[in-house]
Protein backbone atom coordinates (compact mmCIF):
# COMPACT_ATOMS: atom_id res chain seq x y z
CA MET A 1 0.00 0.00 0.00
CA ASN A 2 1.31 3.44 -0.95
CA MET A 3 1.47 6.35 1.46
CA TYR A 4 -1.27 8.94 1.10
CA PHE A 5 -0.69 12.57 0.27
CA ILE A 6 -3.60 14.75 1.42
CA THR A 7 -4.64 17.73 -0.67
CA THR A 8 -7.39 20.31 -0.59
CA ASP A 9 -8.01 23.65 -2.27
CA SER A 10 -7.67 27.14 -0.88
CA THR A 11 -11.43 27.39 -0.25
CA ALA A 12 -10.78 25.17 2.81
CA ASP A 13 -8.92 28.03 4.56
CA PHE A 14 -6.61 25.43 6.13
CA PRO A 15 -4.18 27.13 8.55
CA LYS A 16 -0.58 27.07 7.28
CA GLU A 17 0.74 26.01 10.68
CA PHE A 18 -0.96 22.61 10.12
CA TYR A 19 0.75 21.92 6.79
CA GLU A 20 2.98 18.87 6.78
CA SER A 21 5.25 17.29 4.21
CA GLU A 22 2.41 15.05 2.95
CA PHE A 23 -0.14 17.86 2.59
CA ASP A 24 -0.62 20.58 -0.03
CA VAL A 25 -3.23 23.08 -1.21
CA VAL A 26 -4.38 23.82 -4.78
CA LYS A 27 -4.35 27.59 -5.03
CA MET A 28 -7.61 29.07 -6.31
CA SER A 29 -7.25 32.67 -7.45
CA PHE A 30 -9.62 35.56 -6.94
CA VAL A 31 -9.89 39.15 -8.08
CA LEU A 32 -10.65 41.75 -5.45
CA ASP A 33 -11.58 45.19 -6.70
CA GLY A 34 -9.74 44.56 -9.98
CA GLU A 35 -6.57 43.12 -8.40
CA LEU A 36 -5.61 39.46 -8.98
CA TYR A 37 -4.57 37.38 -5.97
CA ASP A 38 -3.24 34.03 -7.23
CA GLY A 39 -1.10 32.80 -4.34
CA TYR A 40 1.96 32.76 -6.61
CA GLU A 41 2.72 36.27 -7.85
CA LYS A 42 0.51 37.94 -5.25
CA GLU A 43 -0.12 36.28 -1.89
CA PHE A 44 -3.67 35.71 -0.71
CA LEU A 45 -5.10 38.04 1.87
CA PRO A 46 -5.72 36.76 5.37
CA SER A 47 -9.41 35.77 5.71
CA GLN A 48 -10.22 38.60 8.08
CA GLU A 49 -8.73 41.19 5.69
CA PHE A 50 -10.57 39.67 2.69
CA TYR A 51 -13.97 39.70 4.41
CA SER A 52 -13.36 43.18 5.80
CA ALA A 53 -12.73 44.43 2.23
CA ILE A 54 -16.01 42.81 1.10
CA ALA A 55 -17.86 44.39 4.04
CA ASN A 56 -16.43 47.76 2.98
CA GLY A 57 -17.87 47.45 -0.53
CA LYS A 58 -15.02 45.90 -2.54
CA VAL A 59 -16.11 43.42 -5.20
CA ALA A 60 -14.62 39.90 -5.36
CA THR A 61 -14.85 37.35 -8.16
CA THR A 62 -13.34 33.88 -8.37
CA SER A 63 -12.19 31.54 -11.09
CA MET A 64 -11.27 27.90 -11.23
CA PRO A 65 -7.63 26.87 -11.70
CA SER A 66 -6.55 25.92 -15.22
CA VAL A 67 -6.54 22.27 -16.21
CA GLY A 68 -2.77 22.52 -16.78
CA LEU A 69 -2.15 23.83 -13.26
CA ILE A 70 -4.26 21.04 -11.72
CA GLU A 71 -2.58 18.41 -13.88
CA GLU A 72 0.88 19.62 -12.87
CA PHE A 73 -0.11 19.80 -9.18
CA PHE A 74 -1.32 16.18 -9.03
CA GLU A 75 1.29 14.70 -11.39
CA ASN A 76 4.05 16.11 -9.16
CA ILE A 77 2.60 14.26 -6.16
CA CYS A 78 1.91 11.02 -8.08
CA SER A 79 5.45 10.98 -9.50
CA LYS A 80 6.72 10.61 -5.92
CA GLY A 81 4.71 7.40 -5.50
CA PHE A 82 1.90 8.75 -3.35
CA ASP A 83 -1.79 7.94 -3.54
CA ILE A 84 -3.88 11.10 -3.10
CA LEU A 85 -6.81 11.87 -0.84
CA HIS A 86 -8.26 15.17 -2.11
CA VAL A 87 -10.90 17.07 -0.14
CA SER A 88 -12.44 19.60 -2.50
CA PHE A 89 -14.90 22.41 -2.85
CA SER A 90 -18.22 20.94 -3.97
CA SER A 91 -18.87 20.82 -7.72
CA ALA A 92 -22.41 21.94 -6.89
CA LEU A 93 -20.91 25.27 -5.82
CA SER A 94 -18.17 25.63 -8.42
CA SER A 95 -16.88 24.40 -11.79
């Protein structure tokens, strides 16, 4: 039996202090008031700051990650011999 690598997406708001070597998060970008936050070039806002901006009238939109990004994310883990347990945002709520 292979070891499991646990993944989720950034909608889970999983605290970074709980990350381990067999855990990773698919970054899901958003645009807040015209500015892209992708977790790569521009770090995500802390939850409290994000929701405060919304409460103060800023507009947020989301988008799903590209197929290529998802493919690369999971292939990297599989190439190390792991099986994956992925806990995801519901498809009923997203693409």
